[in-house]
Amino acid sequence: MTTLSAAVLRELHQLPDDALLDTHEAAAFLHISPRTLAWYRTHRIGPVYAKIGRVTVRYKVGEGITGKVVDAG
């Protein structure tokens, strides 16, 4: 599981709802592993994410586990 310092986690929790996090930041924010997020994406469940290009994935801070997928590419 990805571990971030308390200061970094505090900063993540203060971001606006429309801020985008990378996979490692989102995993730390949600207290799960980056691999779990990848599994969620594969099964089209989990937090809303934006796919930018072919590889880059970003997660919205303010979205819960809704199962919605946003394709920005």
N, C-alpha and C. Protein backbone atom coordinates (compact mmCIF):
# COMPACT_ATOMS: atom_id res chain seq x y z
N MET A 1 0.84 -1.17 0.00
CA MET A 1 0.00 0.00 0.00
C MET A 1 0.89 1.23 0.00
N THR A 2 0.46 2.27 -0.70
CA THR A 2 1.21 3.52 -0.75
C THR A 2 1.00 4.29 0.54
N THR A 3 2.12 4.75 1.12
CA THR A 3 2.04 5.51 2.35
C THR A 3 2.60 6.90 2.10
N LEU A 4 1.83 7.90 2.42
CA LEU A 4 2.29 9.29 2.33
C LEU A 4 2.35 9.87 3.73
N SER A 5 3.16 10.90 3.89
CA SER A 5 3.28 11.54 5.19
C SER A 5 1.95 12.17 5.59
N ALA A 6 1.81 12.41 6.88
CA ALA A 6 0.59 13.03 7.39
C ALA A 6 0.38 14.40 6.77
N ALA A 7 1.45 15.16 6.55
CA ALA A 7 1.34 16.49 5.95
C ALA A 7 0.82 16.40 4.52
N VAL A 8 1.32 15.43 3.75
CA VAL A 8 0.86 15.27 2.37
C VAL A 8 -0.59 14.83 2.33
N LEU A 9 -0.97 13.91 3.19
CA LEU A 9 -2.37 13.48 3.24
C LEU A 9 -3.29 14.64 3.63
N ARG A 10 -2.85 15.47 4.55
CA ARG A 10 -3.63 16.65 4.94
C ARG A 10 -3.83 17.57 3.73
N GLU A 11 -2.77 17.77 2.95
CA GLU A 11 -2.87 18.59 1.74
C GLU A 11 -3.85 17.98 0.73
N LEU A 12 -3.80 16.66 0.55
CA LEU A 12 -4.70 15.99 -0.38
C LEU A 12 -6.15 16.19 0.03
N HIS A 13 -6.41 16.10 1.33
CA HIS A 13 -7.78 16.23 1.82
C HIS A 13 -8.29 17.66 1.75
N GLN A 14 -7.41 18.63 1.55
CA GLN A 14 -7.81 20.02 1.44
C GLN A 14 -8.00 20.46 -0.02
N LEU A 15 -7.73 19.58 -0.95
CA LEU A 15 -7.88 19.93 -2.36
C LEU A 15 -9.36 20.11 -2.72
N PRO A 16 -9.66 20.93 -3.73
CA PRO A 16 -11.05 21.08 -4.17
C PRO A 16 -11.57 19.77 -4.76
N ASP A 17 -12.88 19.62 -4.78
CA ASP A 17 -13.50 18.38 -5.26
C ASP A 17 -13.16 18.03 -6.70
N ASP A 18 -12.84 19.01 -7.52
CA ASP A 18 -12.54 18.71 -8.92
C ASP A 18 -11.05 18.50 -9.20
N ALA A 19 -10.23 18.48 -8.16
CA ALA A 19 -8.80 18.23 -8.33
C ALA A 19 -8.57 16.79 -8.77
N LEU A 20 -7.53 16.57 -9.56
CA LEU A 20 -7.20 15.22 -10.04
C LEU A 20 -5.93 14.72 -9.38
N LEU A 21 -5.98 13.46 -8.94
CA LEU A 21 -4.84 12.82 -8.30
C LEU A 21 -4.32 11.70 -9.19
N ASP A 22 -3.02 11.43 -9.10
CA ASP A 22 -2.49 10.27 -9.81
C ASP A 22 -2.85 9.01 -9.02
N THR A 23 -2.52 7.87 -9.54
CA THR A 23 -2.92 6.60 -8.93
C THR A 23 -2.37 6.44 -7.51
N HIS A 24 -1.11 6.79 -7.30
CA HIS A 24 -0.50 6.62 -5.98
C HIS A 24 -1.11 7.58 -4.96
N GLU A 25 -1.38 8.81 -5.37
CA GLU A 25 -2.01 9.76 -4.47
C GLU A 25 -3.44 9.33 -4.13
N ALA A 26 -4.16 8.88 -5.14
CA ALA A 26 -5.54 8.44 -4.91
C ALA A 26 -5.58 7.22 -3.99
N ALA A 27 -4.65 6.30 -4.19
CA ALA A 27 -4.59 5.11 -3.34
C ALA A 27 -4.34 5.50 -1.89
N ALA A 28 -3.40 6.41 -1.67
CA ALA A 28 -3.11 6.86 -0.31
C ALA A 28 -4.32 7.58 0.28
N PHE A 29 -4.97 8.41 -0.52
CA PHE A 29 -6.15 9.16 -0.10
C PHE A 29 -7.26 8.21 0.35
N LEU A 30 -7.42 7.10 -0.37
CA LEU A 30 -8.48 6.13 -0.09
C LEU A 30 -8.05 5.00 0.85
N HIS A 31 -6.77 4.99 1.23
CA HIS A 31 -6.22 3.95 2.11
C HIS A 31 -6.34 2.55 1.50
N ILE A 32 -6.04 2.47 0.20
CA ILE A 32 -5.99 1.19 -0.50
C ILE A 32 -4.72 1.17 -1.36
N SER A 33 -4.42 0.06 -1.97
CA SER A 33 -3.21 -0.04 -2.78
C SER A 33 -3.46 0.45 -4.21
N PRO A 34 -2.41 0.91 -4.89
CA PRO A 34 -2.56 1.28 -6.30
C PRO A 34 -3.05 0.10 -7.15
N ARG A 35 -2.65 -1.09 -6.78
CA ARG A 35 -3.09 -2.28 -7.51
C ARG A 35 -4.60 -2.48 -7.40
N THR A 36 -5.16 -2.16 -6.24
CA THR A 36 -6.61 -2.24 -6.05
C THR A 36 -7.32 -1.27 -6.99
N LEU A 37 -6.78 -0.06 -7.13
CA LEU A 37 -7.37 0.90 -8.06
C LEU A 37 -7.31 0.38 -9.49
N ALA A 38 -6.21 -0.25 -9.85
CA ALA A 38 -6.09 -0.84 -11.19
C ALA A 38 -7.15 -1.93 -11.38
N TRP A 39 -7.37 -2.73 -10.36
CA TRP A 39 -8.39 -3.78 -10.43
C TRP A 39 -9.77 -3.15 -10.60
N TYR A 40 -10.04 -2.09 -9.83
CA TYR A 40 -11.31 -1.38 -9.96
C TYR A 40 -11.51 -0.88 -11.39
N ARG A 41 -10.46 -0.29 -11.98
CA ARG A 41 -10.58 0.21 -13.36
C ARG A 41 -10.89 -0.93 -14.32
N THR A 42 -10.21 -2.04 -14.15
CA THR A 42 -10.42 -3.19 -15.03
C THR A 42 -11.87 -3.68 -14.97
N HIS A 43 -12.46 -3.63 -13.79
CA HIS A 43 -13.83 -4.12 -13.58
C HIS A 43 -14.87 -3.00 -13.64
N ARG A 44 -14.42 -1.80 -14.02
CA ARG A 44 -15.29 -0.64 -14.17
C ARG A 44 -16.13 -0.35 -12.93
N ILE A 45 -15.45 -0.43 -11.79
CA ILE A 45 -16.06 -0.04 -10.52
C ILE A 45 -15.07 0.91 -9.84
N GLY A 46 -15.47 1.47 -8.74
CA GLY A 46 -14.55 2.31 -7.99
C GLY A 46 -14.70 3.78 -8.30
N PRO A 47 -13.71 4.56 -7.87
CA PRO A 47 -13.80 6.01 -8.01
C PRO A 47 -13.79 6.46 -9.47
N VAL A 48 -14.40 7.61 -9.70
CA VAL A 48 -14.39 8.21 -11.03
C VAL A 48 -12.95 8.52 -11.41
N TYR A 49 -12.60 8.24 -12.66
CA TYR A 49 -11.27 8.57 -13.13
C TYR A 49 -11.33 9.12 -14.54
N ALA A 50 -10.29 9.85 -14.88
CA ALA A 50 -10.15 10.38 -16.23
C ALA A 50 -8.94 9.70 -16.85
N LYS A 51 -9.10 9.21 -18.05
CA LYS A 51 -7.98 8.61 -18.77
C LYS A 51 -7.52 9.65 -19.78
N ILE A 52 -6.28 10.07 -19.62
CA ILE A 52 -5.71 11.12 -20.46
C ILE A 52 -4.69 10.46 -21.38
N GLY A 53 -5.00 10.42 -22.65
CA GLY A 53 -4.15 9.69 -23.58
C GLY A 53 -4.38 8.19 -23.42
N ARG A 54 -3.34 7.41 -23.68
CA ARG A 54 -3.48 5.95 -23.61
C ARG A 54 -3.07 5.39 -22.26
N VAL A 55 -2.27 6.13 -21.49
CA VAL A 55 -1.69 5.56 -20.28
C VAL A 55 -2.03 6.32 -19.00
N THR A 56 -2.10 7.64 -19.07
CA THR A 56 -2.24 8.46 -17.87
C THR A 56 -3.66 8.39 -17.31
N VAL A 57 -3.75 8.10 -16.01
CA VAL A 57 -5.03 8.00 -15.32
C VAL A 57 -5.01 8.98 -14.15
N ARG A 58 -6.11 9.70 -13.98
CA ARG A 58 -6.26 10.62 -12.85
C ARG A 58 -7.62 10.38 -12.20
N TYR A 59 -7.65 10.55 -10.88
CA TYR A 59 -8.87 10.34 -10.09
C TYR A 59 -9.37 11.65 -9.53
N LYS A 60 -10.69 11.85 -9.55
CA LYS A 60 -11.29 13.05 -8.98
C LYS A 60 -11.39 12.91 -7.47
N VAL A 61 -10.97 13.95 -6.77
CA VAL A 61 -10.98 13.95 -5.30
C VAL A 61 -12.39 13.85 -4.75
N GLY A 62 -13.33 14.61 -5.28
CA GLY A 62 -14.65 14.73 -4.69
C GLY A 62 -15.64 13.64 -5.04
N GLU A 63 -15.25 12.71 -5.87
CA GLU A 63 -16.18 11.65 -6.28
C GLU A 63 -16.06 10.44 -5.36
N GLY A 64 -17.19 9.89 -5.00
CA GLY A 64 -17.20 8.67 -4.20
C GLY A 64 -17.02 7.45 -5.08
N ILE A 65 -17.26 6.29 -4.54
CA ILE A 65 -17.15 5.07 -5.33
C ILE A 65 -18.48 4.89 -6.05
N THR A 66 -18.51 5.38 -7.29
CA THR A 66 -19.76 5.43 -8.05
C THR A 66 -19.81 4.47 -9.22
N GLY A 67 -18.63 4.02 -9.66
CA GLY A 67 -18.61 3.15 -10.81
C GLY A 67 -18.62 3.90 -12.13
N LYS A 68 -18.69 5.24 -12.12
CA LYS A 68 -18.69 6.01 -13.35
C LYS A 68 -17.27 6.12 -13.90
N VAL A 69 -17.15 6.16 -15.20
CA VAL A 69 -15.85 6.29 -15.85
C VAL A 69 -15.91 7.53 -16.75
N VAL A 70 -14.88 8.35 -16.67
CA VAL A 70 -14.79 9.54 -17.50
C VAL A 70 -13.61 9.35 -18.43
N ASP A 71 -13.84 9.40 -19.74
CA ASP A 71 -12.77 9.26 -20.71
C ASP A 71 -12.44 10.64 -21.29
N ALA A 72 -11.26 11.16 -20.93
CA ALA A 72 -10.88 12.50 -21.38
C ALA A 72 -9.96 12.44 -22.58
N GLY A 73 -9.76 11.27 -23.13
CA GLY A 73 -8.79 11.14 -24.23
C GLY A 73 -9.36 10.70 -25.45
